[in-house]
């Protein structure tokens, strides 16, 4: 078993710390709100009064914080207690450019660092489910691969480019947030149509979303806008959606309509609706 530290015990960090303690690791944790660490005592997690105290003697230091600024502040506070051979495992969702700069600075200072953002919520963290991505030196990843694999259902090494996991984390979160916004509009249409919210969501089971990503999504990535669902026709359907909603608030459909109008005015109405991504790709 390992001696490890967790800096940040919000919902996700607390779940990770709890799971690690239950696996038999010696876990010390710190959080700016002491009560959040003290709540983990029932699982055997040791509360520390400072980041430096938390990381003392830890072979791995797991960071689960809010953003880049907090990561920098907490790392600075932890430096005094950090062991020479400790490896920092940063699970924070951060800006790719700042992540790369941080990795470079820490490397220059002789500090071992891997960026390991995750696609999982607290329940998944407690039960080693979900996905963890890793970016950083391969030899460093391999030295902790077994331990990290115990924390997640899927471990995906992204390579030595230190900002790549950060970028992919944003890609995934964009899809999650975007899907939530679209579903919010779908439920608004259901309300306006006197259809139950549950029945409206069940409809999504009839649509192969994975096939849409693999098909239309890959066409977008390749700049292939050969029509199977013309933009002009899709715009008509969006008009029907907005008219159905009436004066009810919509999260994304009005913005989609505006973008469609711009592209139709620019002469793209006869192309596939995936031409919405034309500015993001090189067209063949």
C-alpha atoms as a PDB file:
ATOM      1  CA  UNK A   1       0.000   0.000   0.000  1.00  0.00           C
ATOM      2  CA  UNK A   2       1.064   3.611  -0.561  1.00  0.00           C
ATOM      3  CA  UNK A   3       1.400   6.768   1.478  1.00  0.00           C
ATOM      4  CA  UNK A   4      -0.405   9.455  -0.499  1.00  0.00           C
ATOM      5  CA  UNK A   5      -1.866  12.923  -0.087  1.00  0.00           C
ATOM      6  CA  UNK A   6      -4.924  14.677  -1.449  1.00  0.00           C
ATOM      7  CA  UNK A   7      -4.966  18.448  -1.790  1.00  0.00           C
ATOM      8  CA  UNK A   8      -8.566  19.485  -2.273  1.00  0.00           C
ATOM      9  CA  UNK A   9     -11.429  17.453  -0.838  1.00  0.00           C
ATOM     10  CA  UNK A  10     -14.478  18.803  -2.578  1.00  0.00           C
ATOM     11  CA  UNK A  11     -16.965  16.277  -3.911  1.00  0.00           C
ATOM     12  CA  UNK A  12     -14.530  14.529  -6.268  1.00  0.00           C
ATOM     13  CA  UNK A  13     -11.403  14.846  -4.136  1.00  0.00           C
ATOM     14  CA  UNK A  14     -13.228  13.527  -1.075  1.00  0.00           C
ATOM     15  CA  UNK A  15     -14.500  10.527  -3.054  1.00  0.00           C
ATOM     16  CA  UNK A  16     -10.986   9.753  -4.288  1.00  0.00           C
ATOM     17  CA  UNK A  17      -9.548  10.047  -0.782  1.00  0.00           C
ATOM     18  CA  UNK A  18     -12.264   7.842   0.684  1.00  0.00           C
ATOM     19  CA  UNK A  19     -11.701   5.154  -1.950  1.00  0.00           C
ATOM     20  CA  UNK A  20      -7.932   5.223  -1.466  1.00  0.00           C
ATOM     21  CA  UNK A  21      -8.272   4.834   2.301  1.00  0.00           C
ATOM     22  CA  UNK A  22     -10.676   1.922   1.825  1.00  0.00           C
ATOM     23  CA  UNK A  23      -8.116   0.249  -0.463  1.00  0.00           C
ATOM     24  CA  UNK A  24      -5.624   0.380   2.384  1.00  0.00           C
ATOM     25  CA  UNK A  25      -3.490   3.379   1.411  1.00  0.00           C
ATOM     26  CA  UNK A  26      -2.284   5.744   4.100  1.00  0.00           C
ATOM     27  CA  UNK A  27      -4.072   8.949   3.130  1.00  0.00           C
ATOM     28  CA  UNK A  28      -3.473  12.471   4.400  1.00  0.00           C
ATOM     29  CA  UNK A  29      -5.669  15.262   3.059  1.00  0.00           C
ATOM     30  CA  UNK A  30      -5.945  19.021   3.185  1.00  0.00           C
ATOM     31  CA  UNK A  31      -8.714  21.405   2.203  1.00  0.00           C
ATOM     32  CA  UNK A  32      -9.226  25.099   2.757  1.00  0.00           C
ATOM     33  CA  UNK A  33     -12.452  24.196   4.567  1.00  0.00           C
ATOM     34  CA  UNK A  34     -11.237  21.944   7.443  1.00  0.00           C
ATOM     35  CA  UNK A  35     -14.672  20.393   8.016  1.00  0.00           C
ATOM     36  CA  UNK A  36     -14.525  18.751   4.581  1.00  0.00           C
ATOM     37  CA  UNK A  37     -11.345  16.899   5.582  1.00  0.00           C
ATOM     38  CA  UNK A  38     -12.596  16.052   9.044  1.00  0.00           C
ATOM     39  CA  UNK A  39     -15.637  14.379   7.497  1.00  0.00           C
ATOM     40  CA  UNK A  40     -13.236  11.827   5.972  1.00  0.00           C
ATOM     41  CA  UNK A  41     -11.843  10.733   9.332  1.00  0.00           C
ATOM     42  CA  UNK A  42     -14.448   7.945   9.489  1.00  0.00           C
ATOM     43  CA  UNK A  43     -12.621   6.311   6.566  1.00  0.00           C
ATOM     44  CA  UNK A  44      -9.194   6.682   8.141  1.00  0.00           C
ATOM     45  CA  UNK A  45      -8.122   9.792   6.240  1.00  0.00           C
ATOM     46  CA  UNK A  46      -5.703  11.934   8.255  1.00  0.00           C
ATOM     47  CA  UNK A  47      -6.454  15.653   8.305  1.00  0.00           C
ATOM     48  CA  UNK A  48      -3.600  18.095   7.708  1.00  0.00           C
ATOM     49  CA  UNK A  49      -3.617  21.755   8.626  1.00  0.00           C
ATOM     50  CA  UNK A  50      -1.584  22.869   5.589  1.00  0.00           C
ATOM     51  CA  UNK A  51      -0.627  21.623   2.133  1.00  0.00           C
ATOM     52  CA  UNK A  52       2.999  21.214   3.247  1.00  0.00           C
ATOM     53  CA  UNK A  53       1.952  19.036   6.167  1.00  0.00           C
ATOM     54  CA  UNK A  54      -0.323  16.951   3.945  1.00  0.00           C
ATOM     55  CA  UNK A  55       2.361  16.069   1.396  1.00  0.00           C
ATOM     56  CA  UNK A  56       5.146  15.251   3.859  1.00  0.00           C
ATOM     57  CA  UNK A  57       6.331  11.659   3.247  1.00  0.00           C
ATOM     58  CA  UNK A  58       3.777  11.127   0.455  1.00  0.00           C
ATOM     59  CA  UNK A  59       4.944   9.217  -2.606  1.00  0.00           C
ATOM     60  CA  UNK A  60       2.006  10.575  -4.639  1.00  0.00           C
ATOM     61  CA  UNK A  61       0.273  13.908  -4.232  1.00  0.00           C
ATOM     62  CA  UNK A  62      -3.172  14.045  -5.830  1.00  0.00           C
ATOM     63  CA  UNK A  63      -4.529  17.511  -6.578  1.00  0.00           C
ATOM     64  CA  UNK A  64      -8.252  18.052  -7.143  1.00  0.00           C
ATOM     65  CA  UNK A  65      -8.798  21.809  -7.150  1.00  0.00           C
ATOM     66  CA  UNK A  66     -10.908  24.505  -8.779  1.00  0.00           C
ATOM     67  CA  UNK A  67      -8.685  26.058 -11.449  1.00  0.00           C
ATOM     68  CA  UNK A  68      -5.158  27.037 -12.484  1.00  0.00           C
ATOM     69  CA  UNK A  69      -4.821  29.878  -9.989  1.00  0.00           C
ATOM     70  CA  UNK A  70      -5.721  27.650  -7.054  1.00  0.00           C
ATOM     71  CA  UNK A  71      -3.407  24.897  -8.302  1.00  0.00           C
ATOM     72  CA  UNK A  72      -0.506  27.338  -8.423  1.00  0.00           C
ATOM     73  CA  UNK A  73      -1.230  28.703  -4.940  1.00  0.00           C
ATOM     74  CA  UNK A  74      -1.606  25.283  -3.344  1.00  0.00           C
ATOM     75  CA  UNK A  75       1.490  23.875  -5.047  1.00  0.00           C
ATOM     76  CA  UNK A  76       3.497  26.830  -3.788  1.00  0.00           C
ATOM     77  CA  UNK A  77       2.215  26.187  -0.263  1.00  0.00           C
ATOM     78  CA  UNK A  78       3.034  22.466  -0.537  1.00  0.00           C
ATOM     79  CA  UNK A  79       6.601  22.818  -1.813  1.00  0.00           C
ATOM     80  CA  UNK A  80       8.186  22.962   1.647  1.00  0.00           C
ATOM     81  CA  UNK A  81       6.891  19.507   2.568  1.00  0.00           C
ATOM     82  CA  UNK A  82       7.250  17.802  -0.814  1.00  0.00           C
ATOM     83  CA  UNK A  83       9.591  14.797  -0.918  1.00  0.00           C
ATOM     84  CA  UNK A  84      12.225  14.696  -3.647  1.00  0.00           C
ATOM     85  CA  UNK A  85      10.748  11.528  -5.160  1.00  0.00           C
ATOM     86  CA  UNK A  86       7.070  12.503  -4.828  1.00  0.00           C
ATOM     87  CA  UNK A  87       4.937  12.560  -7.968  1.00  0.00           C
ATOM     88  CA  UNK A  88       2.230  15.191  -8.341  1.00  0.00           C
ATOM     89  CA  UNK A  89      -0.937  13.803  -9.935  1.00  0.00           C
ATOM     90  CA  UNK A  90      -3.097  16.767 -10.958  1.00  0.00           C
ATOM     91  CA  UNK A  91      -6.750  15.898 -11.629  1.00  0.00           C
ATOM     92  CA  UNK A  92      -7.863  19.525 -11.944  1.00  0.00           C
ATOM     93  CA  UNK A  93      -9.608  20.732 -15.102  1.00  0.00           C
ATOM     94  CA  UNK A  94      -7.276  23.480 -16.292  1.00  0.00           C
ATOM     95  CA  UNK A  95      -6.394  25.680 -19.255  1.00  0.00           C
ATOM     96  CA  UNK A  96      -4.168  23.704 -21.655  1.00  0.00           C
ATOM     97  CA  UNK A  97      -1.637  26.511 -22.183  1.00  0.00           C
ATOM     98  CA  UNK A  98      -1.234  27.092 -18.446  1.00  0.00           C
ATOM     99  CA  UNK A  99      -1.005  23.356 -17.833  1.00  0.00           C
ATOM    100  CA  UNK A 100       1.881  23.070 -20.295  1.00  0.00           C
ATOM    101  CA  UNK A 101       3.652  26.067 -18.761  1.00  0.00           C
ATOM    102  CA  UNK A 102       3.201  24.649 -15.261  1.00  0.00           C
ATOM    103  CA  UNK A 103       4.547  21.256 -16.306  1.00  0.00           C
ATOM    104  CA  UNK A 104       7.616  22.920 -17.815  1.00  0.00           C
ATOM    105  CA  UNK A 105       8.302  25.008 -14.719  1.00  0.00           C
ATOM    106  CA  UNK A 106       7.938  22.038 -12.396  1.00  0.00           C
ATOM    107  CA  UNK A 107      10.198  19.921 -14.588  1.00  0.00           C
ATOM    108  CA  UNK A 108      12.859  22.632 -14.493  1.00  0.00           C
ATOM    109  CA  UNK A 109      12.564  22.648 -10.701  1.00  0.00           C
ATOM    110  CA  UNK A 110      13.038  18.877 -10.548  1.00  0.00           C
ATOM    111  CA  UNK A 111       9.427  18.168  -9.548  1.00  0.00           C
ATOM    112  CA  UNK A 112       7.641  15.195 -11.081  1.00  0.00           C
ATOM    113  CA  UNK A 113       4.245  16.096 -12.509  1.00  0.00           C
ATOM    114  CA  UNK A 114       1.487  14.379 -14.476  1.00  0.00           C
ATOM    115  CA  UNK A 115      -1.769  15.979 -15.546  1.00  0.00           C
ATOM    116  CA  UNK A 116      -4.580  13.452 -15.054  1.00  0.00           C
ATOM    117  CA  UNK A 117      -8.073  14.944 -15.497  1.00  0.00           C
ATOM    118  CA  UNK A 118     -11.027  12.590 -15.284  1.00  0.00           C
ATOM    119  CA  UNK A 119     -14.474  11.957 -16.668  1.00  0.00           C
ATOM    120  CA  UNK A 120     -16.187  10.753 -13.519  1.00  0.00           C
ATOM    121  CA  UNK A 121     -18.331  12.003 -10.691  1.00  0.00           C
ATOM    122  CA  UNK A 122     -17.990  11.186  -6.996  1.00  0.00           C
ATOM    123  CA  UNK A 123     -19.874   7.845  -7.172  1.00  0.00           C
ATOM    124  CA  UNK A 124     -17.610   6.687 -10.007  1.00  0.00           C
ATOM    125  CA  UNK A 125     -14.526   7.790  -8.082  1.00  0.00           C
ATOM    126  CA  UNK A 126     -15.630   5.750  -5.068  1.00  0.00           C
ATOM    127  CA  UNK A 127     -16.062   2.636  -7.198  1.00  0.00           C
ATOM    128  CA  UNK A 128     -13.102   3.006  -9.602  1.00  0.00           C
ATOM    129  CA  UNK A 129     -15.286   3.693 -12.633  1.00  0.00           C
ATOM    130  CA  UNK A 130     -15.134   6.326 -15.360  1.00  0.00           C
ATOM    131  CA  UNK A 131     -12.094   7.458 -17.331  1.00  0.00           C
ATOM    132  CA  UNK A 132      -8.793   9.037 -16.324  1.00  0.00           C
ATOM    133  CA  UNK A 133      -6.545  10.646 -18.946  1.00  0.00           C
ATOM    134  CA  UNK A 134      -2.818  11.095 -18.373  1.00  0.00           C
ATOM    135  CA  UNK A 135      -0.396  13.467 -20.081  1.00  0.00           C
ATOM    136  CA  UNK A 136       3.289  13.746 -19.295  1.00  0.00           C
ATOM    137  CA  UNK A 137       6.541  11.783 -19.420  1.00  0.00           C
ATOM    138  CA  UNK A 138       5.900   8.141 -20.312  1.00  0.00           C
ATOM    139  CA  UNK A 139       8.456   6.831 -17.850  1.00  0.00           C
ATOM    140  CA  UNK A 140       6.708   8.758 -15.092  1.00  0.00           C
ATOM    141  CA  UNK A 141       3.313   7.432 -16.138  1.00  0.00           C
ATOM    142  CA  UNK A 142       4.609   3.874 -16.165  1.00  0.00           C
ATOM    143  CA  UNK A 143       5.939   4.274 -12.633  1.00  0.00           C
ATOM    144  CA  UNK A 144       2.409   4.962 -11.305  1.00  0.00           C
ATOM    145  CA  UNK A 145       0.318   3.151 -13.912  1.00  0.00           C
ATOM    146  CA  UNK A 146      -0.719   0.315 -11.620  1.00  0.00           C
ATOM    147  CA  UNK A 147      -1.734   2.677  -8.819  1.00  0.00           C
ATOM    148  CA  UNK A 148      -3.696   4.965 -11.131  1.00  0.00           C
ATOM    149  CA  UNK A 149      -5.458   2.000 -12.732  1.00  0.00           C
ATOM    150  CA  UNK A 150      -6.869   1.143  -9.324  1.00  0.00           C
ATOM    151  CA  UNK A 151      -8.635   4.511  -9.252  1.00  0.00           C
ATOM    152  CA  UNK A 152     -10.603   4.269 -12.502  1.00  0.00           C
ATOM    153  CA  UNK A 153     -12.412   2.000 -14.911  1.00  0.00           C
ATOM    154  CA  UNK A 154     -10.371   3.215 -17.884  1.00  0.00           C
ATOM    155  CA  UNK A 155      -6.864   4.626 -17.888  1.00  0.00           C
ATOM    156  CA  UNK A 156      -5.935   6.458 -21.101  1.00  0.00           C
ATOM    157  CA  UNK A 157      -2.355   7.629 -21.611  1.00  0.00           C
ATOM    158  CA  UNK A 158      -2.482  10.561 -24.024  1.00  0.00           C
ATOM    159  CA  UNK A 159       1.264  10.934 -24.579  1.00  0.00           C
ATOM    160  CA  UNK A 160       4.119  13.166 -23.503  1.00  0.00           C
ATOM    161  CA  UNK A 161       2.572  16.382 -24.739  1.00  0.00           C
ATOM    162  CA  UNK A 162       1.706  17.876 -21.377  1.00  0.00           C
ATOM    163  CA  UNK A 163      -1.379  19.880 -22.416  1.00  0.00           C
ATOM    164  CA  UNK A 164      -3.125  17.094 -24.318  1.00  0.00           C
ATOM    165  CA  UNK A 165      -5.190  15.677 -21.452  1.00  0.00           C
ATOM    166  CA  UNK A 166      -6.244  19.209 -20.498  1.00  0.00           C
ATOM    167  CA  UNK A 167      -7.438  19.871 -24.057  1.00  0.00           C
ATOM    168  CA  UNK A 168      -9.327  16.591 -24.273  1.00  0.00           C
ATOM    169  CA  UNK A 169     -10.943  17.219 -20.912  1.00  0.00           C
ATOM    170  CA  UNK A 170     -12.370  20.466 -22.312  1.00  0.00           C
ATOM    171  CA  UNK A 171     -13.539  18.625 -25.434  1.00  0.00           C
ATOM    172  CA  UNK A 172     -15.438  16.144 -23.298  1.00  0.00           C
ATOM    173  CA  UNK A 173     -16.907  18.742 -20.978  1.00  0.00           C
ATOM    174  CA  UNK A 174     -18.019  20.798 -23.976  1.00  0.00           C
ATOM    175  CA  UNK A 175     -19.971  17.776 -25.202  1.00  0.00           C
ATOM    176  CA  UNK A 176     -21.476  17.130 -21.759  1.00  0.00           C
ATOM    177  CA  UNK A 177     -22.495  20.756 -21.244  1.00  0.00           C
ATOM    178  CA  UNK A 178     -23.689  21.120 -24.822  1.00  0.00           C
ATOM    179  CA  UNK A 179     -25.795  17.980 -24.539  1.00  0.00           C
ATOM    180  CA  UNK A 180     -27.322  19.279 -21.305  1.00  0.00           C
ATOM    181  CA  UNK A 181     -28.218  22.558 -23.032  1.00  0.00           C
ATOM    182  CA  UNK A 182     -29.783  20.783 -26.013  1.00  0.00           C
ATOM    183  CA  UNK A 183     -31.750  18.501 -23.677  1.00  0.00           C
ATOM    184  CA  UNK A 184     -32.973  21.575 -21.806  1.00  0.00           C
ATOM    185  CA  UNK A 185     -34.368  22.932 -25.078  1.00  0.00           C
ATOM    186  CA  UNK A 186     -35.840  19.538 -25.913  1.00  0.00           C
ATOM    187  CA  UNK A 187     -37.694  19.565 -22.579  1.00  0.00           C
ATOM    188  CA  UNK A 188     -38.921  23.094 -23.297  1.00  0.00           C
ATOM    189  CA  UNK A 189     -40.360  21.854 -26.605  1.00  0.00           C
ATOM    190  CA  UNK A 190     -41.946  18.934 -24.766  1.00  0.00           C
ATOM    191  CA  UNK A 191     -43.555  21.281 -22.250  1.00  0.00           C
ATOM    192  CA  UNK A 192     -44.878  23.472 -25.056  1.00  0.00           C
ATOM    193  CA  UNK A 193     -46.222  20.376 -26.841  1.00  0.00           C
ATOM    194  CA  UNK A 194     -47.888  18.885 -23.745  1.00  0.00           C
ATOM    195  CA  UNK A 195     -45.558  15.867 -23.819  1.00  0.00           C
ATOM    196  CA  UNK A 196     -44.134  14.538 -20.567  1.00  0.00           C
ATOM    197  CA  UNK A 197     -40.473  15.268 -19.906  1.00  0.00           C
ATOM    198  CA  UNK A 198     -39.789  11.580 -19.308  1.00  0.00           C
ATOM    199  CA  UNK A 199     -41.312  10.568 -22.636  1.00  0.00           C
ATOM    200  CA  UNK A 200     -39.326  13.263 -24.446  1.00  0.00           C
ATOM    201  CA  UNK A 201     -36.050  12.018 -22.983  1.00  0.00           C
ATOM    202  CA  UNK A 202     -36.936   8.414 -23.844  1.00  0.00           C
ATOM    203  CA  UNK A 203     -37.056   9.505 -27.492  1.00  0.00           C
ATOM    204  CA  UNK A 204     -33.301   9.980 -27.380  1.00  0.00           C
ATOM    205  CA  UNK A 205     -33.011   6.219 -27.033  1.00  0.00           C
ATOM    206  CA  UNK A 206     -34.294   5.929 -30.606  1.00  0.00           C
ATOM    207  CA  UNK A 207     -31.409   8.050 -31.899  1.00  0.00           C
ATOM    208  CA  UNK A 208     -27.941   6.531 -32.246  1.00  0.00           C
ATOM    209  CA  UNK A 209     -25.875   9.401 -30.888  1.00  0.00           C
ATOM    210  CA  UNK A 210     -22.648   7.420 -31.222  1.00  0.00           C
ATOM    211  CA  UNK A 211     -23.348   6.972 -34.927  1.00  0.00           C
ATOM    212  CA  UNK A 212     -23.936  10.710 -35.281  1.00  0.00           C
ATOM    213  CA  UNK A 213     -20.551  11.424 -33.724  1.00  0.00           C
ATOM    214  CA  UNK A 214     -18.800   8.784 -35.821  1.00  0.00           C
ATOM    215  CA  UNK A 215     -20.535   9.818 -39.033  1.00  0.00           C
ATOM    216  CA  UNK A 216     -21.454  13.481 -39.159  1.00  0.00           C
ATOM    217  CA  UNK A 217     -18.847  14.366 -36.533  1.00  0.00           C
ATOM    218  CA  UNK A 218     -16.031  12.789 -38.520  1.00  0.00           C
ATOM    219  CA  UNK A 219     -17.297  14.435 -41.700  1.00  0.00           C
ATOM    220  CA  UNK A 220     -17.089  17.774 -39.905  1.00  0.00           C
ATOM    221  CA  UNK A 221     -13.550  17.017 -38.753  1.00  0.00           C
ATOM    222  CA  UNK A 222     -12.541  16.208 -42.341  1.00  0.00           C
ATOM    223  CA  UNK A 223     -14.297  19.254 -43.802  1.00  0.00           C
ATOM    224  CA  UNK A 224     -16.699  17.052 -45.757  1.00  0.00           C
ATOM    225  CA  UNK A 225     -20.031  18.856 -46.014  1.00  0.00           C
ATOM    226  CA  UNK A 226     -21.677  16.738 -48.733  1.00  0.00           C
ATOM    227  CA  UNK A 227     -25.381  17.021 -47.968  1.00  0.00           C
ATOM    228  CA  UNK A 228     -27.529  14.375 -46.360  1.00  0.00           C
ATOM    229  CA  UNK A 229     -29.444  16.926 -44.239  1.00  0.00           C
ATOM    230  CA  UNK A 230     -29.178  20.309 -45.938  1.00  0.00           C
ATOM    231  CA  UNK A 231     -28.499  23.328 -43.770  1.00  0.00           C
ATOM    232  CA  UNK A 232     -31.474  25.207 -45.226  1.00  0.00           C
ATOM    233  CA  UNK A 233     -33.807  22.362 -44.277  1.00  0.00           C
ATOM    234  CA  UNK A 234     -32.262  22.107 -40.823  1.00  0.00           C
ATOM    235  CA  UNK A 235     -32.800  25.853 -40.390  1.00  0.00           C
ATOM    236  CA  UNK A 236     -36.480  25.392 -41.223  1.00  0.00           C
ATOM    237  CA  UNK A 237     -36.720  22.766 -38.504  1.00  0.00           C
ATOM    238  CA  UNK A 238     -35.024  25.058 -35.995  1.00  0.00           C
ATOM    239  CA  UNK A 239     -37.577  27.725 -36.892  1.00  0.00           C
ATOM    240  CA  UNK A 240     -40.347  25.242 -36.094  1.00  0.00           C
ATOM    241  CA  UNK A 241     -38.701  24.448 -32.767  1.00  0.00           C
ATOM    242  CA  UNK A 242     -38.423  28.096 -31.777  1.00  0.00           C
ATOM    243  CA  UNK A 243     -42.008  28.776 -32.825  1.00  0.00           C
ATOM    244  CA  UNK A 244     -43.180  25.778 -30.801  1.00  0.00           C
ATOM    245  CA  UNK A 245     -41.363  27.060 -27.711  1.00  0.00           C
ATOM    246  CA  UNK A 246     -43.106  30.407 -28.010  1.00  0.00           C
ATOM    247  CA  UNK A 247     -42.019  32.791 -25.270  1.00  0.00           C
ATOM    248  CA  UNK A 248     -40.419  30.054 -23.173  1.00  0.00           C
ATOM    249  CA  UNK A 249     -36.662  30.485 -22.590  1.00  0.00           C
ATOM    250  CA  UNK A 250     -34.317  28.408 -24.754  1.00  0.00           C
ATOM    251  CA  UNK A 251     -30.665  27.631 -23.980  1.00  0.00           C
ATOM    252  CA  UNK A 252     -29.095  27.164 -27.412  1.00  0.00           C
ATOM    253  CA  UNK A 253     -31.539  26.967 -30.315  1.00  0.00           C
ATOM    254  CA  UNK A 254     -31.739  30.743 -30.971  1.00  0.00           C
ATOM    255  CA  UNK A 255     -27.933  30.899 -31.151  1.00  0.00           C
ATOM    256  CA  UNK A 256     -27.889  27.948 -33.547  1.00  0.00           C
ATOM    257  CA  UNK A 257     -30.479  29.720 -35.708  1.00  0.00           C
ATOM    258  CA  UNK A 258     -28.343  32.868 -35.846  1.00  0.00           C
ATOM    259  CA  UNK A 259     -25.281  30.900 -36.930  1.00  0.00           C
ATOM    260  CA  UNK A 260     -27.298  29.027 -39.552  1.00  0.00           C
ATOM    261  CA  UNK A 261     -28.568  32.321 -40.970  1.00  0.00           C
ATOM    262  CA  UNK A 262     -25.016  33.600 -41.278  1.00  0.00           C
ATOM    263  CA  UNK A 263     -23.893  30.480 -43.151  1.00  0.00           C
ATOM    264  CA  UNK A 264     -26.930  30.455 -45.439  1.00  0.00           C
ATOM    265  CA  UNK A 265     -26.278  34.104 -46.293  1.00  0.00           C
ATOM    266  CA  UNK A 266     -22.695  33.107 -47.134  1.00  0.00           C
ATOM    267  CA  UNK A 267     -23.957  30.523 -49.636  1.00  0.00           C
ATOM    268  CA  UNK A 268     -23.833  27.284 -47.605  1.00  0.00           C
ATOM    269  CA  UNK A 269     -27.554  26.529 -47.474  1.00  0.00           C
ATOM    270  CA  UNK A 270     -27.352  23.521 -49.818  1.00  0.00           C
ATOM    271  CA  UNK A 271     -24.546  21.879 -47.849  1.00  0.00           C
ATOM    272  CA  UNK A 272     -24.962  19.493 -44.953  1.00  0.00           C
ATOM    273  CA  UNK A 273     -25.911  20.990 -41.610  1.00  0.00           C
ATOM    274  CA  UNK A 274     -22.517  19.924 -40.277  1.00  0.00           C
ATOM    275  CA  UNK A 275     -21.201  22.953 -42.199  1.00  0.00           C
ATOM    276  CA  UNK A 276     -21.852  24.661 -38.873  1.00  0.00           C
ATOM    277  CA  UNK A 277     -18.264  23.645 -38.132  1.00  0.00           C
ATOM    278  CA  UNK A 278     -16.726  25.099 -41.274  1.00  0.00           C
ATOM    279  CA  UNK A 279     -14.664  27.741 -39.474  1.00  0.00           C
ATOM    280  CA  UNK A 280     -13.082  25.110 -37.223  1.00  0.00           C
ATOM    281  CA  UNK A 281     -11.681  22.845 -39.960  1.00  0.00           C
ATOM    282  CA  UNK A 282      -9.734  22.979 -43.189  1.00  0.00           C
ATOM    283  CA  UNK A 283     -12.133  22.206 -45.969  1.00  0.00           C
ATOM    284  CA  UNK A 284     -11.038  19.699 -48.584  1.00  0.00           C
END
